[in-house]
């Protein structure tokens, strides 16, 4: 039983798609993982493709009963998450 963290890049957009997908799939495949945290502390930019990737990830995590939380979001990244109502999908701390 463990919590795993995904450190997101400064620019979270479609260019990060394959790396993001590989990272979350590896963590979801690990049966010992009980929670996954998306670390937004470095994110200064995210776009709609990043939001879409996060929704897809959240659906897959939910199907495996693995909660996902977001930590460290600030400035415009935090504003975008709030405007998109992501607090309904994720625990934002």
PDB file of N, CA and C in Angstrom:
ATOM      1  N   UNK A   1       0.843  -1.180   0.000  1.00  0.00           N
ATOM      2  CA  UNK A   1       0.000   0.000   0.000  1.00  0.00           C
ATOM      3  C   UNK A   1       0.882   1.234   0.000  1.00  0.00           C
ATOM      4  N   UNK A   2       0.684   2.062  -1.016  1.00  0.00           N
ATOM      5  CA  UNK A   2       1.528   3.248  -1.080  1.00  0.00           C
ATOM      6  C   UNK A   2       0.884   4.336  -1.921  1.00  0.00           C
ATOM      7  N   UNK A   3       1.378   5.528  -1.688  1.00  0.00           N
ATOM      8  CA  UNK A   3       0.976   6.682  -2.484  1.00  0.00           C
ATOM      9  C   UNK A   3       2.101   6.968  -3.461  1.00  0.00           C
ATOM     10  N   UNK A   4       1.751   7.200  -4.701  1.00  0.00           N
ATOM     11  CA  UNK A   4       2.738   7.539  -5.730  1.00  0.00           C
ATOM     12  C   UNK A   4       2.448   8.933  -6.260  1.00  0.00           C
ATOM     13  N   UNK A   5       3.497   9.624  -6.661  1.00  0.00           N
ATOM     14  CA  UNK A   5       3.370  10.984  -7.166  1.00  0.00           C
ATOM     15  C   UNK A   5       3.840  11.058  -8.609  1.00  0.00           C
ATOM     16  N   UNK A   6       3.093  11.803  -9.405  1.00  0.00           N
ATOM     17  CA  UNK A   6       3.507  12.127 -10.768  1.00  0.00           C
ATOM     18  C   UNK A   6       3.916  13.596 -10.763  1.00  0.00           C
ATOM     19  N   UNK A   7       5.187  13.863 -11.007  1.00  0.00           N
ATOM     20  CA  UNK A   7       5.692  15.237 -11.086  1.00  0.00           C
ATOM     21  C   UNK A   7       5.413  15.751 -12.492  1.00  0.00           C
ATOM     22  N   UNK A   8       4.600  16.783 -12.597  1.00  0.00           N
ATOM     23  CA  UNK A   8       4.239  17.317 -13.905  1.00  0.00           C
ATOM     24  C   UNK A   8       5.220  18.399 -14.334  1.00  0.00           C
ATOM     25  N   UNK A   9       5.383  18.590 -15.651  1.00  0.00           N
ATOM     26  CA  UNK A   9       6.349  19.567 -16.160  1.00  0.00           C
ATOM     27  C   UNK A   9       5.820  20.997 -16.076  1.00  0.00           C
ATOM     28  N   UNK A  10       6.705  21.943 -16.331  1.00  0.00           N
ATOM     29  CA  UNK A  10       6.321  23.349 -16.318  1.00  0.00           C
ATOM     30  C   UNK A  10       5.265  23.639 -17.378  1.00  0.00           C
ATOM     31  N   UNK A  11       5.382  22.985 -18.509  1.00  0.00           N
ATOM     32  CA  UNK A  11       4.426  23.146 -19.614  1.00  0.00           C
ATOM     33  C   UNK A  11       3.692  21.823 -19.797  1.00  0.00           C
ATOM     34  N   UNK A  12       2.456  21.751 -19.293  1.00  0.00           N
ATOM     35  CA  UNK A  12       1.655  20.537 -19.343  1.00  0.00           C
ATOM     36  C   UNK A  12       0.669  20.669 -20.505  1.00  0.00           C
ATOM     37  N   UNK A  13       1.062  20.082 -21.647  1.00  0.00           N
ATOM     38  CA  UNK A  13       0.230  20.155 -22.845  1.00  0.00           C
ATOM     39  C   UNK A  13       0.351  18.842 -23.614  1.00  0.00           C
ATOM     40  N   UNK A  14      -0.144  18.806 -24.847  1.00  0.00           N
ATOM     41  CA  UNK A  14      -0.169  17.556 -25.607  1.00  0.00           C
ATOM     42  C   UNK A  14       1.230  16.973 -25.826  1.00  0.00           C
ATOM     43  N   UNK A  15       2.248  17.796 -25.824  1.00  0.00           N
ATOM     44  CA  UNK A  15       3.612  17.309 -25.988  1.00  0.00           C
ATOM     45  C   UNK A  15       4.043  16.370 -24.867  1.00  0.00           C
ATOM     46  N   UNK A  16       3.330  16.390 -23.760  1.00  0.00           N
ATOM     47  CA  UNK A  16       3.644  15.535 -22.608  1.00  0.00           C
ATOM     48  C   UNK A  16       2.739  14.298 -22.564  1.00  0.00           C
ATOM     49  N   UNK A  17       1.875  14.144 -23.567  1.00  0.00           N
ATOM     50  CA  UNK A  17       0.866  13.079 -23.569  1.00  0.00           C
ATOM     51  C   UNK A  17       1.437  11.678 -23.364  1.00  0.00           C
ATOM     52  N   UNK A  18       2.389  11.263 -24.201  1.00  0.00           N
ATOM     53  CA  UNK A  18       2.866   9.877 -24.092  1.00  0.00           C
ATOM     54  C   UNK A  18       3.594   9.621 -22.779  1.00  0.00           C
ATOM     55  N   UNK A  19       4.375  10.576 -22.318  1.00  0.00           N
ATOM     56  CA  UNK A  19       5.083  10.383 -21.048  1.00  0.00           C
ATOM     57  C   UNK A  19       4.092  10.314 -19.882  1.00  0.00           C
ATOM     58  N   UNK A  20       3.097  11.205 -19.891  1.00  0.00           N
ATOM     59  CA  UNK A  20       2.077  11.210 -18.841  1.00  0.00           C
ATOM     60  C   UNK A  20       1.325   9.876 -18.825  1.00  0.00           C
ATOM     61  N   UNK A  21       0.910   9.421 -20.008  1.00  0.00           N
ATOM     62  CA  UNK A  21       0.171   8.161 -20.113  1.00  0.00           C
ATOM     63  C   UNK A  21       1.006   6.990 -19.620  1.00  0.00           C
ATOM     64  N   UNK A  22       2.252   6.917 -20.024  1.00  0.00           N
ATOM     65  CA  UNK A  22       3.133   5.827 -19.572  1.00  0.00           C
ATOM     66  C   UNK A  22       3.279   5.847 -18.051  1.00  0.00           C
ATOM     67  N   UNK A  23       3.453   7.032 -17.486  1.00  0.00           N
ATOM     68  CA  UNK A  23       3.647   7.133 -16.038  1.00  0.00           C
ATOM     69  C   UNK A  23       2.407   6.704 -15.267  1.00  0.00           C
ATOM     70  N   UNK A  24       1.237   7.187 -15.668  1.00  0.00           N
ATOM     71  CA  UNK A  24       0.058   6.814 -14.889  1.00  0.00           C
ATOM     72  C   UNK A  24      -0.332   5.367 -15.107  1.00  0.00           C
ATOM     73  N   UNK A  25      -0.113   4.823 -16.306  1.00  0.00           N
ATOM     74  CA  UNK A  25      -0.423   3.414 -16.538  1.00  0.00           C
ATOM     75  C   UNK A  25       0.464   2.511 -15.686  1.00  0.00           C
ATOM     76  N   UNK A  26       1.730   2.866 -15.545  1.00  0.00           N
ATOM     77  CA  UNK A  26       2.640   2.082 -14.710  1.00  0.00           C
ATOM     78  C   UNK A  26       2.184   2.097 -13.260  1.00  0.00           C
ATOM     79  N   UNK A  27       1.739   3.237 -12.788  1.00  0.00           N
ATOM     80  CA  UNK A  27       1.287   3.326 -11.396  1.00  0.00           C
ATOM     81  C   UNK A  27      -0.034   2.596 -11.188  1.00  0.00           C
ATOM     82  N   UNK A  28      -0.927   2.653 -12.168  1.00  0.00           N
ATOM     83  CA  UNK A  28      -2.191   1.937 -12.036  1.00  0.00           C
ATOM     84  C   UNK A  28      -2.003   0.429 -12.144  1.00  0.00           C
ATOM     85  N   UNK A  29      -0.952  -0.004 -12.830  1.00  0.00           N
ATOM     86  CA  UNK A  29      -0.681  -1.439 -12.949  1.00  0.00           C
ATOM     87  C   UNK A  29      -0.104  -2.011 -11.660  1.00  0.00           C
ATOM     88  N   UNK A  30       0.439  -1.154 -10.807  1.00  0.00           N
ATOM     89  CA  UNK A  30       1.039  -1.581  -9.543  1.00  0.00           C
ATOM     90  C   UNK A  30      -0.072  -1.749  -8.500  1.00  0.00           C
ATOM     91  N   UNK A  31      -0.344  -2.981  -8.124  1.00  0.00           N
ATOM     92  CA  UNK A  31      -1.440  -3.286  -7.198  1.00  0.00           C
ATOM     93  C   UNK A  31      -1.234  -2.696  -5.808  1.00  0.00           C
ATOM     94  N   UNK A  32      -0.006  -2.335  -5.451  1.00  0.00           N
ATOM     95  CA  UNK A  32       0.259  -1.796  -4.118  1.00  0.00           C
ATOM     96  C   UNK A  32      -0.089  -0.307  -3.998  1.00  0.00           C
ATOM     97  N   UNK A  33      -0.327   0.355  -5.134  1.00  0.00           N
ATOM     98  CA  UNK A  33      -0.620   1.785  -5.125  1.00  0.00           C
ATOM     99  C   UNK A  33      -2.047   2.020  -4.638  1.00  0.00           C
ATOM    100  N   UNK A  34      -2.185   2.837  -3.595  1.00  0.00           N
ATOM    101  CA  UNK A  34      -3.496   3.117  -3.010  1.00  0.00           C
ATOM    102  C   UNK A  34      -3.965   4.542  -3.290  1.00  0.00           C
ATOM    103  N   UNK A  35      -3.069   5.409  -3.739  1.00  0.00           N
ATOM    104  CA  UNK A  35      -3.428   6.786  -4.074  1.00  0.00           C
ATOM    105  C   UNK A  35      -2.353   7.354  -4.986  1.00  0.00           C
ATOM    106  N   UNK A  36      -2.775   8.227  -5.915  1.00  0.00           N
ATOM    107  CA  UNK A  36      -1.834   8.872  -6.825  1.00  0.00           C
ATOM    108  C   UNK A  36      -2.017  10.382  -6.700  1.00  0.00           C
ATOM    109  N   UNK A  37      -0.892  11.079  -6.582  1.00  0.00           N
ATOM    110  CA  UNK A  37      -0.893  12.535  -6.472  1.00  0.00           C
ATOM    111  C   UNK A  37      -0.297  13.136  -7.734  1.00  0.00           C
ATOM    112  N   UNK A  38      -0.990  14.116  -8.295  1.00  0.00           N
ATOM    113  CA  UNK A  38      -0.450  14.891  -9.405  1.00  0.00           C
ATOM    114  C   UNK A  38       0.174  16.138  -8.806  1.00  0.00           C
ATOM    115  N   UNK A  39       1.493  16.242  -8.899  1.00  0.00           N
ATOM    116  CA  UNK A  39       2.217  17.370  -8.329  1.00  0.00           C
ATOM    117  C   UNK A  39       2.296  18.498  -9.354  1.00  0.00           C
ATOM    118  N   UNK A  40       1.536  19.550  -9.103  1.00  0.00           N
ATOM    119  CA  UNK A  40       1.447  20.708  -9.993  1.00  0.00           C
ATOM    120  C   UNK A  40       2.413  21.817  -9.604  1.00  0.00           C
ATOM    121  N   UNK A  41       3.317  21.578  -8.679  1.00  0.00           N
ATOM    122  CA  UNK A  41       4.151  22.663  -8.148  1.00  0.00           C
ATOM    123  C   UNK A  41       5.006  23.355  -9.209  1.00  0.00           C
ATOM    124  N   UNK A  42       5.342  22.661 -10.292  1.00  0.00           N
ATOM    125  CA  UNK A  42       6.151  23.282 -11.355  1.00  0.00           C
ATOM    126  C   UNK A  42       5.310  23.790 -12.525  1.00  0.00           C
ATOM    127  N   UNK A  43       4.037  23.425 -12.601  1.00  0.00           N
ATOM    128  CA  UNK A  43       3.211  23.745 -13.770  1.00  0.00           C
ATOM    129  C   UNK A  43       2.905  25.240 -13.826  1.00  0.00           C
ATOM    130  N   UNK A  44       3.326  25.854 -14.917  1.00  0.00           N
ATOM    131  CA  UNK A  44       3.022  27.258 -15.153  1.00  0.00           C
ATOM    132  C   UNK A  44       2.044  27.427 -16.296  1.00  0.00           C
ATOM    133  N   UNK A  45       1.891  26.371 -17.094  1.00  0.00           N
ATOM    134  CA  UNK A  45       1.003  26.424 -18.259  1.00  0.00           C
ATOM    135  C   UNK A  45       0.345  25.070 -18.433  1.00  0.00           C
ATOM    136  N   UNK A  46      -0.964  25.066 -18.641  1.00  0.00           N
ATOM    137  CA  UNK A  46      -1.649  23.861 -19.079  1.00  0.00           C
ATOM    138  C   UNK A  46      -2.755  24.266 -20.031  1.00  0.00           C
ATOM    139  N   UNK A  47      -3.074  23.366 -20.956  1.00  0.00           N
ATOM    140  CA  UNK A  47      -4.096  23.674 -21.945  1.00  0.00           C
ATOM    141  C   UNK A  47      -5.206  22.628 -21.903  1.00  0.00           C
ATOM    142  N   UNK A  48      -6.130  22.734 -22.834  1.00  0.00           N
ATOM    143  CA  UNK A  48      -7.290  21.835 -22.827  1.00  0.00           C
ATOM    144  C   UNK A  48      -6.900  20.377 -23.047  1.00  0.00           C
ATOM    145  N   UNK A  49      -5.824  20.123 -23.776  1.00  0.00           N
ATOM    146  CA  UNK A  49      -5.409  18.730 -23.965  1.00  0.00           C
ATOM    147  C   UNK A  49      -4.925  18.147 -22.638  1.00  0.00           C
ATOM    148  N   UNK A  50      -4.274  18.946 -21.799  1.00  0.00           N
ATOM    149  CA  UNK A  50      -3.854  18.479 -20.475  1.00  0.00           C
ATOM    150  C   UNK A  50      -5.070  18.154 -19.627  1.00  0.00           C
ATOM    151  N   UNK A  51      -6.097  19.001 -19.694  1.00  0.00           N
ATOM    152  CA  UNK A  51      -7.327  18.734 -18.943  1.00  0.00           C
ATOM    153  C   UNK A  51      -7.961  17.427 -19.417  1.00  0.00           C
ATOM    154  N   UNK A  52      -7.972  17.213 -20.719  1.00  0.00           N
ATOM    155  CA  UNK A  52      -8.518  15.969 -21.272  1.00  0.00           C
ATOM    156  C   UNK A  52      -7.734  14.747 -20.814  1.00  0.00           C
ATOM    157  N   UNK A  53      -6.414  14.865 -20.794  1.00  0.00           N
ATOM    158  CA  UNK A  53      -5.575  13.752 -20.325  1.00  0.00           C
ATOM    159  C   UNK A  53      -5.866  13.447 -18.859  1.00  0.00           C
ATOM    160  N   UNK A  54      -6.071  14.491 -18.078  1.00  0.00           N
ATOM    161  CA  UNK A  54      -6.351  14.304 -16.659  1.00  0.00           C
ATOM    162  C   UNK A  54      -7.703  13.627 -16.440  1.00  0.00           C
ATOM    163  N   UNK A  55      -8.694  13.991 -17.251  1.00  0.00           N
ATOM    164  CA  UNK A  55     -10.016  13.353 -17.141  1.00  0.00           C
ATOM    165  C   UNK A  55      -9.904  11.870 -17.489  1.00  0.00           C
ATOM    166  N   UNK A  56      -9.191  11.558 -18.553  1.00  0.00           N
ATOM    167  CA  UNK A  56      -9.016  10.158 -18.945  1.00  0.00           C
ATOM    168  C   UNK A  56      -8.302   9.379 -17.838  1.00  0.00           C
ATOM    169  N   UNK A  57      -7.261   9.966 -17.284  1.00  0.00           N
ATOM    170  CA  UNK A  57      -6.525   9.332 -16.190  1.00  0.00           C
ATOM    171  C   UNK A  57      -7.434   9.110 -14.991  1.00  0.00           C
ATOM    172  N   UNK A  58      -8.222  10.120 -14.642  1.00  0.00           N
ATOM    173  CA  UNK A  58      -9.096  10.006 -13.477  1.00  0.00           C
ATOM    174  C   UNK A  58     -10.116   8.881 -13.669  1.00  0.00           C
ATOM    175  N   UNK A  59     -10.662   8.738 -14.868  1.00  0.00           N
ATOM    176  CA  UNK A  59     -11.635   7.662 -15.142  1.00  0.00           C
ATOM    177  C   UNK A  59     -10.983   6.289 -14.974  1.00  0.00           C
ATOM    178  N   UNK A  60      -9.769   6.145 -15.480  1.00  0.00           N
ATOM    179  CA  UNK A  60      -9.068   4.858 -15.356  1.00  0.00           C
ATOM    180  C   UNK A  60      -8.716   4.571 -13.899  1.00  0.00           C
ATOM    181  N   UNK A  61      -8.300   5.598 -13.171  1.00  0.00           N
ATOM    182  CA  UNK A  61      -7.968   5.421 -11.757  1.00  0.00           C
ATOM    183  C   UNK A  61      -9.220   5.054 -10.959  1.00  0.00           C
ATOM    184  N   UNK A  62     -10.316   5.716 -11.268  1.00  0.00           N
ATOM    185  CA  UNK A  62     -11.574   5.439 -10.555  1.00  0.00           C
ATOM    186  C   UNK A  62     -12.027   3.994 -10.802  1.00  0.00           C
ATOM    187  N   UNK A  63     -11.834   3.508 -12.010  1.00  0.00           N
ATOM    188  CA  UNK A  63     -12.237   2.131 -12.311  1.00  0.00           C
ATOM    189  C   UNK A  63     -11.415   1.111 -11.522  1.00  0.00           C
ATOM    190  N   UNK A  64     -10.240   1.525 -11.044  1.00  0.00           N
ATOM    191  CA  UNK A  64      -9.396   0.657 -10.217  1.00  0.00           C
ATOM    192  C   UNK A  64      -9.480   1.036  -8.737  1.00  0.00           C
ATOM    193  N   UNK A  65     -10.408   1.933  -8.407  1.00  0.00           N
ATOM    194  CA  UNK A  65     -10.595   2.402  -7.028  1.00  0.00           C
ATOM    195  C   UNK A  65      -9.336   3.021  -6.431  1.00  0.00           C
ATOM    196  N   UNK A  66      -8.618   3.776  -7.260  1.00  0.00           N
ATOM    197  CA  UNK A  66      -7.413   4.478  -6.807  1.00  0.00           C
ATOM    198  C   UNK A  66      -7.716   5.979  -6.839  1.00  0.00           C
ATOM    199  N   UNK A  67      -7.842   6.614  -5.669  1.00  0.00           N
ATOM    200  CA  UNK A  67      -8.105   8.051  -5.664  1.00  0.00           C
ATOM    201  C   UNK A  67      -6.913   8.849  -6.195  1.00  0.00           C
ATOM    202  N   UNK A  68      -7.249   9.975  -6.815  1.00  0.00           N
ATOM    203  CA  UNK A  68      -6.225  10.874  -7.361  1.00  0.00           C
ATOM    204  C   UNK A  68      -6.411  12.251  -6.734  1.00  0.00           C
ATOM    205  N   UNK A  69      -5.308  12.837  -6.281  1.00  0.00           N
ATOM    206  CA  UNK A  69      -5.383  14.201  -5.762  1.00  0.00           C
ATOM    207  C   UNK A  69      -4.389  15.075  -6.494  1.00  0.00           C
ATOM    208  N   UNK A  70      -4.648  16.366  -6.424  1.00  0.00           N
ATOM    209  CA  UNK A  70      -3.789  17.372  -7.047  1.00  0.00           C
ATOM    210  C   UNK A  70      -3.205  18.218  -5.924  1.00  0.00           C
ATOM    211  N   UNK A  71      -1.887  18.397  -5.950  1.00  0.00           N
ATOM    212  CA  UNK A  71      -1.268  19.269  -4.945  1.00  0.00           C
ATOM    213  C   UNK A  71      -0.337  20.259  -5.627  1.00  0.00           C
ATOM    214  N   UNK A  72      -0.171  21.392  -4.995  1.00  0.00           N
ATOM    215  CA  UNK A  72       0.805  22.376  -5.442  1.00  0.00           C
ATOM    216  C   UNK A  72       0.377  23.273  -6.585  1.00  0.00           C
ATOM    217  N   UNK A  73      -0.889  23.208  -7.007  1.00  0.00           N
ATOM    218  CA  UNK A  73      -1.332  24.080  -8.110  1.00  0.00           C
ATOM    219  C   UNK A  73      -1.348  25.530  -7.630  1.00  0.00           C
ATOM    220  N   UNK A  74      -0.840  26.422  -8.486  1.00  0.00           N
ATOM    221  CA  UNK A  74      -0.804  27.835  -8.115  1.00  0.00           C
ATOM    222  C   UNK A  74      -0.999  28.707  -9.354  1.00  0.00           C
ATOM    223  N   UNK A  75      -1.270  29.952  -9.098  1.00  0.00           N
ATOM    224  CA  UNK A  75      -1.393  30.970 -10.135  1.00  0.00           C
ATOM    225  C   UNK A  75      -2.382  30.559 -11.236  1.00  0.00           C
ATOM    226  N   UNK A  76      -1.986  30.698 -12.500  1.00  0.00           N
ATOM    227  CA  UNK A  76      -2.923  30.439 -13.596  1.00  0.00           C
ATOM    228  C   UNK A  76      -3.316  28.962 -13.675  1.00  0.00           C
ATOM    229  N   UNK A  77      -2.418  28.053 -13.323  1.00  0.00           N
ATOM    230  CA  UNK A  77      -2.765  26.623 -13.350  1.00  0.00           C
ATOM    231  C   UNK A  77      -3.897  26.338 -12.362  1.00  0.00           C
ATOM    232  N   UNK A  78      -3.802  26.918 -11.180  1.00  0.00           N
ATOM    233  CA  UNK A  78      -4.856  26.735 -10.175  1.00  0.00           C
ATOM    234  C   UNK A  78      -6.164  27.354 -10.654  1.00  0.00           C
ATOM    235  N   UNK A  79      -6.079  28.539 -11.255  1.00  0.00           N
ATOM    236  CA  UNK A  79      -7.274  29.207 -11.782  1.00  0.00           C
ATOM    237  C   UNK A  79      -7.960  28.347 -12.843  1.00  0.00           C
ATOM    238  N   UNK A  80      -7.185  27.775 -13.749  1.00  0.00           N
ATOM    239  CA  UNK A  80      -7.745  26.942 -14.814  1.00  0.00           C
ATOM    240  C   UNK A  80      -8.440  25.721 -14.227  1.00  0.00           C
ATOM    241  N   UNK A  81      -7.813  25.075 -13.249  1.00  0.00           N
ATOM    242  CA  UNK A  81      -8.431  23.906 -12.616  1.00  0.00           C
ATOM    243  C   UNK A  81      -9.750  24.287 -11.943  1.00  0.00           C
ATOM    244  N   UNK A  82      -9.786  25.447 -11.314  1.00  0.00           N
ATOM    245  CA  UNK A  82     -11.019  25.897 -10.652  1.00  0.00           C
ATOM    246  C   UNK A  82     -12.104  26.235 -11.666  1.00  0.00           C
ATOM    247  N   UNK A  83     -11.752  26.937 -12.731  1.00  0.00           N
ATOM    248  CA  UNK A  83     -12.727  27.303 -13.762  1.00  0.00           C
ATOM    249  C   UNK A  83     -13.306  26.055 -14.421  1.00  0.00           C
ATOM    250  N   UNK A  84     -12.467  25.032 -14.605  1.00  0.00           N
ATOM    251  CA  UNK A  84     -12.903  23.778 -15.228  1.00  0.00           C
ATOM    252  C   UNK A  84     -13.638  22.863 -14.241  1.00  0.00           C
ATOM    253  N   UNK A  85     -13.841  23.337 -13.010  1.00  0.00           N
ATOM    254  CA  UNK A  85     -14.526  22.558 -11.964  1.00  0.00           C
ATOM    255  C   UNK A  85     -13.851  21.224 -11.670  1.00  0.00           C
ATOM    256  N   UNK A  86     -12.534  21.189 -11.744  1.00  0.00           N
ATOM    257  CA  UNK A  86     -11.808  19.942 -11.488  1.00  0.00           C
ATOM    258  C   UNK A  86     -11.845  19.544 -10.017  1.00  0.00           C
ATOM    259  N   UNK A  87     -12.293  20.457  -9.158  1.00  0.00           N
ATOM    260  CA  UNK A  87     -12.454  20.079  -7.750  1.00  0.00           C
ATOM    261  C   UNK A  87     -13.576  19.047  -7.588  1.00  0.00           C
ATOM    262  N   UNK A  88     -14.399  18.882  -8.614  1.00  0.00           N
ATOM    263  CA  UNK A  88     -15.451  17.846  -8.587  1.00  0.00           C
ATOM    264  C   UNK A  88     -14.901  16.483  -8.965  1.00  0.00           C
ATOM    265  N   UNK A  89     -13.793  16.457  -9.688  1.00  0.00           N
ATOM    266  CA  UNK A  89     -13.190  15.194 -10.131  1.00  0.00           C
ATOM    267  C   UNK A  89     -12.025  14.769  -9.239  1.00  0.00           C
ATOM    268  N   UNK A  90     -11.319  15.746  -8.693  1.00  0.00           N
ATOM    269  CA  UNK A  90     -10.100  15.492  -7.942  1.00  0.00           C
ATOM    270  C   UNK A  90     -10.155  16.159  -6.579  1.00  0.00           C
ATOM    271  N   UNK A  91      -9.451  15.581  -5.635  1.00  0.00           N
ATOM    272  CA  UNK A  91      -9.231  16.229  -4.355  1.00  0.00           C
ATOM    273  C   UNK A  91      -8.057  17.194  -4.565  1.00  0.00           C
ATOM    274  N   UNK A  92      -8.310  18.493  -4.494  1.00  0.00           N
ATOM    275  CA  UNK A  92      -7.250  19.482  -4.717  1.00  0.00           C
ATOM    276  C   UNK A  92      -6.809  20.005  -3.359  1.00  0.00           C
ATOM    277  N   UNK A  93      -5.526  19.772  -3.056  1.00  0.00           N
ATOM    278  CA  UNK A  93      -4.979  20.194  -1.759  1.00  0.00           C
ATOM    279  C   UNK A  93      -3.901  21.234  -1.942  1.00  0.00           C
TER     280      UNK A  93
END
